[in-house]
Amino acid sequence: MLWQLAASYPDYLYQLSALVRDPVYHKSGVPNGQGQPILLIPGFLAGDWTLTVMAGWLNRLGYRAYFSGINWNVDCPNKTAEILRWRLEYILRERGGPIVVIGHSLGGMLARFLGVNFPEQIRHVFALGAPLDGNSLKVHPLVPLAFRTLQVLRKRADGVSSACGSALCSCRFRQTVFSSLPAGVGFTSIFSKRDEVVDWRSCLDPQGKNRPVSGRHLGLIVNRERIEDKG
């Protein structure tokens, strides 16, 4: 199983090299933005630094990319969601709205949470390789193992409930993240059938658009097929 995860890094480099050589990366044939705000949310065990390529591309196109303020996405998702709510309010004060939100993996779940709970502030949600099936959450077994390990540490540090992240959790994030999106909030799930971290079938959302691309999990954040779809 470990070799499957290791394969994600060479694919990331391949996808990145293909992206920077693609005309779409240099604004060829892509409509320019008008300063519309876009909030970027990193995946589990990752931070804003993983989304710098995406942010730079969006800014060159004329959009205004905002980072989430997350250095490492390892905290209780409900606590992280509250921080992101404050981030939304900051962006709205600075740029107005509504806002487009793009999230990778767990970041895609957090992006969907924002769309469900704050529809007046969100125009569209893009989830990249995010498990959206609330019944199964089919992911690589090392992911829940890492989450449970961090859960023990969080519980010792600040009393986080042992139910955090499970179906028994009663927090707002767990109870609403898989709810139907309100009218007026668009949703696009972008996934790969070669994803070695998240089962692609759990990325499908019957309410939104489901866009398959090539490559693996980590490479989704620099996948030029996804970028062409966004543009």
Protein backbone atom coordinates (compact mmCIF):
# COMPACT_ATOMS: atom_id res chain seq x y z
CA MET A 1 0.00 0.00 0.00
CA LEU A 2 2.87 2.34 0.73
CA TRP A 3 4.13 2.14 -2.82
CA GLN A 4 0.76 3.47 -3.99
CA LEU A 5 1.21 6.60 -1.86
CA ALA A 6 4.81 7.00 -3.00
CA ALA A 7 3.64 7.00 -6.63
CA SER A 8 1.82 10.26 -5.99
CA TYR A 9 5.02 12.31 -5.84
CA PRO A 10 6.42 11.42 -9.29
CA ASP A 11 2.96 12.03 -10.71
CA TYR A 12 2.87 15.46 -9.05
CA LEU A 13 6.16 16.37 -10.75
CA TYR A 14 4.86 15.06 -14.06
CA GLN A 15 1.62 17.02 -13.76
CA LEU A 16 3.51 20.17 -12.74
CA SER A 17 5.93 19.96 -15.67
CA ALA A 18 3.02 19.40 -18.05
CA LEU A 19 1.20 22.37 -16.57
CA VAL A 20 4.01 24.90 -16.92
CA ARG A 21 4.47 23.88 -20.57
CA ASP A 22 0.78 24.21 -21.35
CA PRO A 23 -0.48 27.45 -22.98
CA VAL A 24 -3.32 27.62 -20.46
CA TYR A 25 -0.75 28.26 -17.71
CA HIS A 26 0.40 31.36 -19.60
CA LYS A 27 -3.13 32.73 -20.08
CA SER A 28 -3.46 31.61 -23.69
CA GLY A 29 -7.11 31.29 -24.64
CA VAL A 30 -8.34 31.70 -21.08
CA PRO A 31 -10.76 34.49 -20.11
CA ASN A 32 -9.30 37.04 -17.72
CA GLY A 33 -10.81 37.44 -14.30
CA GLN A 34 -12.07 40.72 -12.90
CA GLY A 35 -10.60 40.45 -9.43
CA GLN A 36 -13.12 37.87 -8.24
CA PRO A 37 -12.01 36.39 -4.88
CA ILE A 38 -11.12 32.71 -4.68
CA LEU A 39 -10.37 30.99 -1.36
CA LEU A 40 -7.95 28.02 -1.49
CA ILE A 41 -8.03 25.29 1.20
CA PRO A 42 -5.29 22.63 1.49
CA GLY A 43 -5.77 18.95 2.21
CA PHE A 44 -5.10 16.82 5.26
CA LEU A 45 -1.49 16.98 6.53
CA ALA A 46 -0.85 19.86 4.11
CA GLY A 47 -0.82 23.65 4.21
CA ASP A 48 -1.22 26.74 2.07
CA TRP A 49 2.29 26.21 0.71
CA THR A 50 0.96 23.30 -1.38
CA LEU A 51 -1.32 25.69 -3.30
CA THR A 52 1.15 28.39 -4.28
CA VAL A 53 1.26 27.28 -7.93
CA MET A 54 -2.52 27.42 -8.18
CA ALA A 55 -2.66 30.79 -6.44
CA GLY A 56 -0.04 32.30 -8.73
CA TRP A 57 -1.85 31.07 -11.84
CA LEU A 58 -5.21 32.43 -10.67
CA ASN A 59 -3.68 35.81 -9.81
CA ARG A 60 -2.05 36.06 -13.24
CA LEU A 61 -5.43 35.39 -14.81
CA GLY A 62 -6.88 38.39 -13.01
CA TYR A 63 -8.56 36.65 -10.08
CA ARG A 64 -7.66 37.34 -6.46
CA ALA A 65 -6.53 34.14 -4.74
CA TYR A 66 -6.62 34.00 -0.96
CA PHE A 67 -4.89 31.42 1.19
CA SER A 68 -6.76 29.85 4.07
CA GLY A 69 -4.22 30.67 6.77
CA ILE A 70 -3.68 26.95 7.43
CA ASN A 71 -0.04 25.97 7.89
CA TRP A 72 -0.85 22.30 8.50
CA ASN A 73 -4.38 20.94 8.11
CA VAL A 74 -4.26 18.60 11.10
CA ASP A 75 -6.70 20.15 13.55
CA CYS A 76 -10.28 19.15 14.36
CA PRO A 77 -12.23 19.88 11.12
CA ASN A 78 -14.93 21.70 13.07
CA LYS A 79 -12.37 24.07 14.61
CA THR A 80 -10.76 24.57 11.19
CA ALA A 81 -14.17 25.34 9.69
CA GLU A 82 -14.70 28.11 12.23
CA ILE A 83 -11.35 29.66 11.29
CA LEU A 84 -12.34 29.49 7.63
CA ARG A 85 -15.61 31.23 8.45
CA TRP A 86 -13.56 34.15 9.82
CA ARG A 87 -11.44 34.04 6.67
CA LEU A 88 -14.59 34.36 4.55
CA GLU A 89 -15.67 37.41 6.48
CA TYR A 90 -12.25 39.01 5.97
CA ILE A 91 -12.37 38.40 2.22
CA LEU A 92 -15.89 39.78 1.99
CA ARG A 93 -14.85 42.96 3.78
CA GLU A 94 -11.86 43.41 1.49
CA ARG A 95 -13.22 42.31 -1.89
CA GLY A 96 -16.93 41.72 -1.58
CA GLY A 97 -18.56 38.52 -2.79
CA PRO A 98 -19.81 36.01 -3.46
CA ILE A 99 -16.66 33.87 -3.25
CA VAL A 100 -15.42 30.81 -5.13
CA VAL A 101 -13.86 28.18 -2.85
CA ILE A 102 -11.41 25.52 -4.05
CA GLY A 103 -10.39 22.74 -1.66
CA HIS A 104 -8.15 19.69 -2.04
CA SER A 105 -9.03 16.40 -0.29
CA LEU A 106 -10.09 17.30 3.28
CA GLY A 107 -9.96 20.90 2.06
CA GLY A 108 -12.69 19.99 -0.43
CA MET A 109 -14.87 18.75 2.42
CA LEU A 110 -14.23 21.99 4.29
CA ALA A 111 -15.08 23.96 1.14
CA ARG A 112 -18.35 22.07 0.85
CA PHE A 113 -19.10 22.78 4.51
CA LEU A 114 -18.73 26.49 3.81
CA GLY A 115 -21.05 26.24 0.81
CA VAL A 116 -23.72 24.43 2.84
CA ASN A 117 -23.61 26.72 5.86
CA PHE A 118 -22.84 30.14 4.34
CA PRO A 119 -24.56 30.12 0.93
CA GLU A 120 -25.00 33.89 0.84
CA GLN A 121 -21.20 34.21 0.77
CA ILE A 122 -20.32 31.37 -1.63
CA ARG A 123 -20.87 31.32 -5.40
CA HIS A 124 -19.24 28.00 -6.31
CA VAL A 125 -17.34 25.18 -4.61
CA PHE A 126 -14.66 23.08 -6.33
CA ALA A 127 -13.63 19.91 -4.49
CA LEU A 128 -10.46 18.17 -5.73
CA GLY A 129 -10.19 14.51 -4.78
CA ALA A 130 -12.49 14.96 -1.78
CA PRO A 131 -14.45 12.08 -0.20
CA LEU A 132 -18.04 13.27 -0.32
CA ASP A 133 -19.88 10.02 0.46
CA GLY A 134 -20.78 10.43 4.10
CA ASN A 135 -21.68 6.76 4.47
CA SER A 136 -18.35 5.20 3.52
CA LEU A 137 -15.56 7.81 3.27
CA LYS A 138 -13.40 5.31 1.40
CA VAL A 139 -9.80 6.41 1.82
CA HIS A 140 -6.39 4.78 2.15
CA PRO A 141 -6.15 3.08 5.59
CA LEU A 142 -3.14 5.20 6.55
CA VAL A 143 -5.31 8.33 6.44
CA PRO A 144 -7.69 7.36 9.29
CA LEU A 145 -4.69 5.95 11.18
CA ALA A 146 -2.95 9.33 10.98
CA PHE A 147 -6.18 11.10 11.96
CA ARG A 148 -6.67 8.87 15.01
CA THR A 149 -3.08 9.42 16.09
CA LEU A 150 -3.54 13.18 15.89
CA GLN A 151 -6.87 12.82 17.65
CA VAL A 152 -5.15 11.30 20.69
CA LEU A 153 -2.66 14.17 20.78
CA ARG A 154 -5.42 16.79 20.41
CA LYS A 155 -7.45 15.17 23.17
CA ARG A 156 -4.50 15.40 25.54
CA ALA A 157 -3.78 18.99 24.53
CA ASP A 158 -7.23 20.61 24.46
CA GLY A 159 -9.85 17.99 25.30
CA VAL A 160 -11.12 17.18 21.80
CA SER A 161 -13.85 14.54 21.92
CA SER A 162 -12.88 10.94 21.12
CA ALA A 163 -15.79 10.92 18.65
CA CYS A 164 -14.10 13.61 16.51
CA GLY A 165 -14.11 12.60 12.85
CA SER A 166 -16.45 9.64 13.33
CA ALA A 167 -20.13 9.15 12.51
CA LEU A 168 -20.85 9.62 16.23
CA CYS A 169 -19.49 13.15 16.28
CA SER A 170 -22.20 15.75 16.89
CA CYS A 171 -20.22 18.81 15.77
CA ARG A 172 -21.57 21.15 13.11
CA PHE A 173 -18.99 20.03 10.55
CA ARG A 174 -19.84 16.33 10.76
CA GLN A 175 -23.58 16.94 10.83
CA THR A 176 -23.76 19.30 7.83
CA VAL A 177 -20.78 18.70 5.50
CA PHE A 178 -22.69 16.11 3.46
CA SER A 179 -25.99 18.02 3.40
CA SER A 180 -27.50 19.26 0.16
CA LEU A 181 -26.14 22.55 -1.08
CA PRO A 182 -28.61 25.45 -1.10
CA ALA A 183 -29.91 26.77 -4.39
CA GLY A 184 -27.53 29.24 -5.96
CA VAL A 185 -24.32 27.53 -4.79
CA GLY A 186 -22.63 25.66 -7.62
CA PHE A 187 -20.59 22.55 -6.97
CA THR A 188 -17.97 20.70 -9.01
CA SER A 189 -16.16 17.57 -7.86
CA ILE A 190 -12.91 16.89 -9.72
CA PHE A 191 -11.48 13.41 -9.28
CA SER A 192 -9.18 10.78 -10.77
CA LYS A 193 -9.88 7.08 -11.10
CA ARG A 194 -6.18 6.53 -10.37
CA ASP A 195 -6.41 8.32 -7.02
CA GLU A 196 -4.44 6.23 -4.53
CA VAL A 197 -5.69 8.07 -1.42
CA VAL A 198 -9.43 8.54 -1.97
CA ASP A 199 -11.68 6.03 -3.74
CA TRP A 200 -12.91 7.97 -6.77
CA ARG A 201 -16.46 6.65 -6.31
CA SER A 202 -16.71 8.47 -2.99
CA CYS A 203 -15.92 11.74 -4.82
CA LEU A 204 -19.11 11.64 -6.87
CA ASP A 205 -21.84 14.07 -5.91
CA PRO A 206 -25.25 13.60 -7.55
CA GLN A 207 -26.14 17.22 -6.88
CA GLY A 208 -23.18 18.81 -8.68
CA LYS A 209 -20.90 18.33 -11.67
CA ASN A 210 -18.42 15.46 -11.54
CA ARG A 211 -15.31 15.99 -13.67
CA PRO A 212 -12.82 13.10 -14.12
CA VAL A 213 -9.16 13.90 -14.90
CA SER A 214 -5.98 11.86 -15.18
CA GLY A 215 -3.22 11.47 -12.62
CA ARG A 216 -3.11 10.80 -8.90
CA HIS A 217 -4.22 12.45 -5.67
CA LEU A 218 -1.49 14.99 -5.01
CA GLY A 219 -1.22 15.96 -8.67
CA LEU A 220 -4.81 17.23 -8.67
CA ILE A 221 -3.62 20.58 -7.31
CA VAL A 222 -1.50 21.19 -10.43
CA ASN A 223 -3.50 19.19 -12.96
CA ARG A 224 -3.86 21.21 -16.16
CA GLU A 225 -7.07 19.36 -17.08
CA ARG A 226 -8.66 20.70 -13.90
CA ILE A 227 -7.28 24.18 -14.60
CA GLU A 228 -8.75 24.18 -18.08
CA ASP A 229 -12.11 23.24 -16.58
CA LYS A 230 -11.85 26.09 -14.05
CA GLY A 231 -10.83 28.60 -16.66
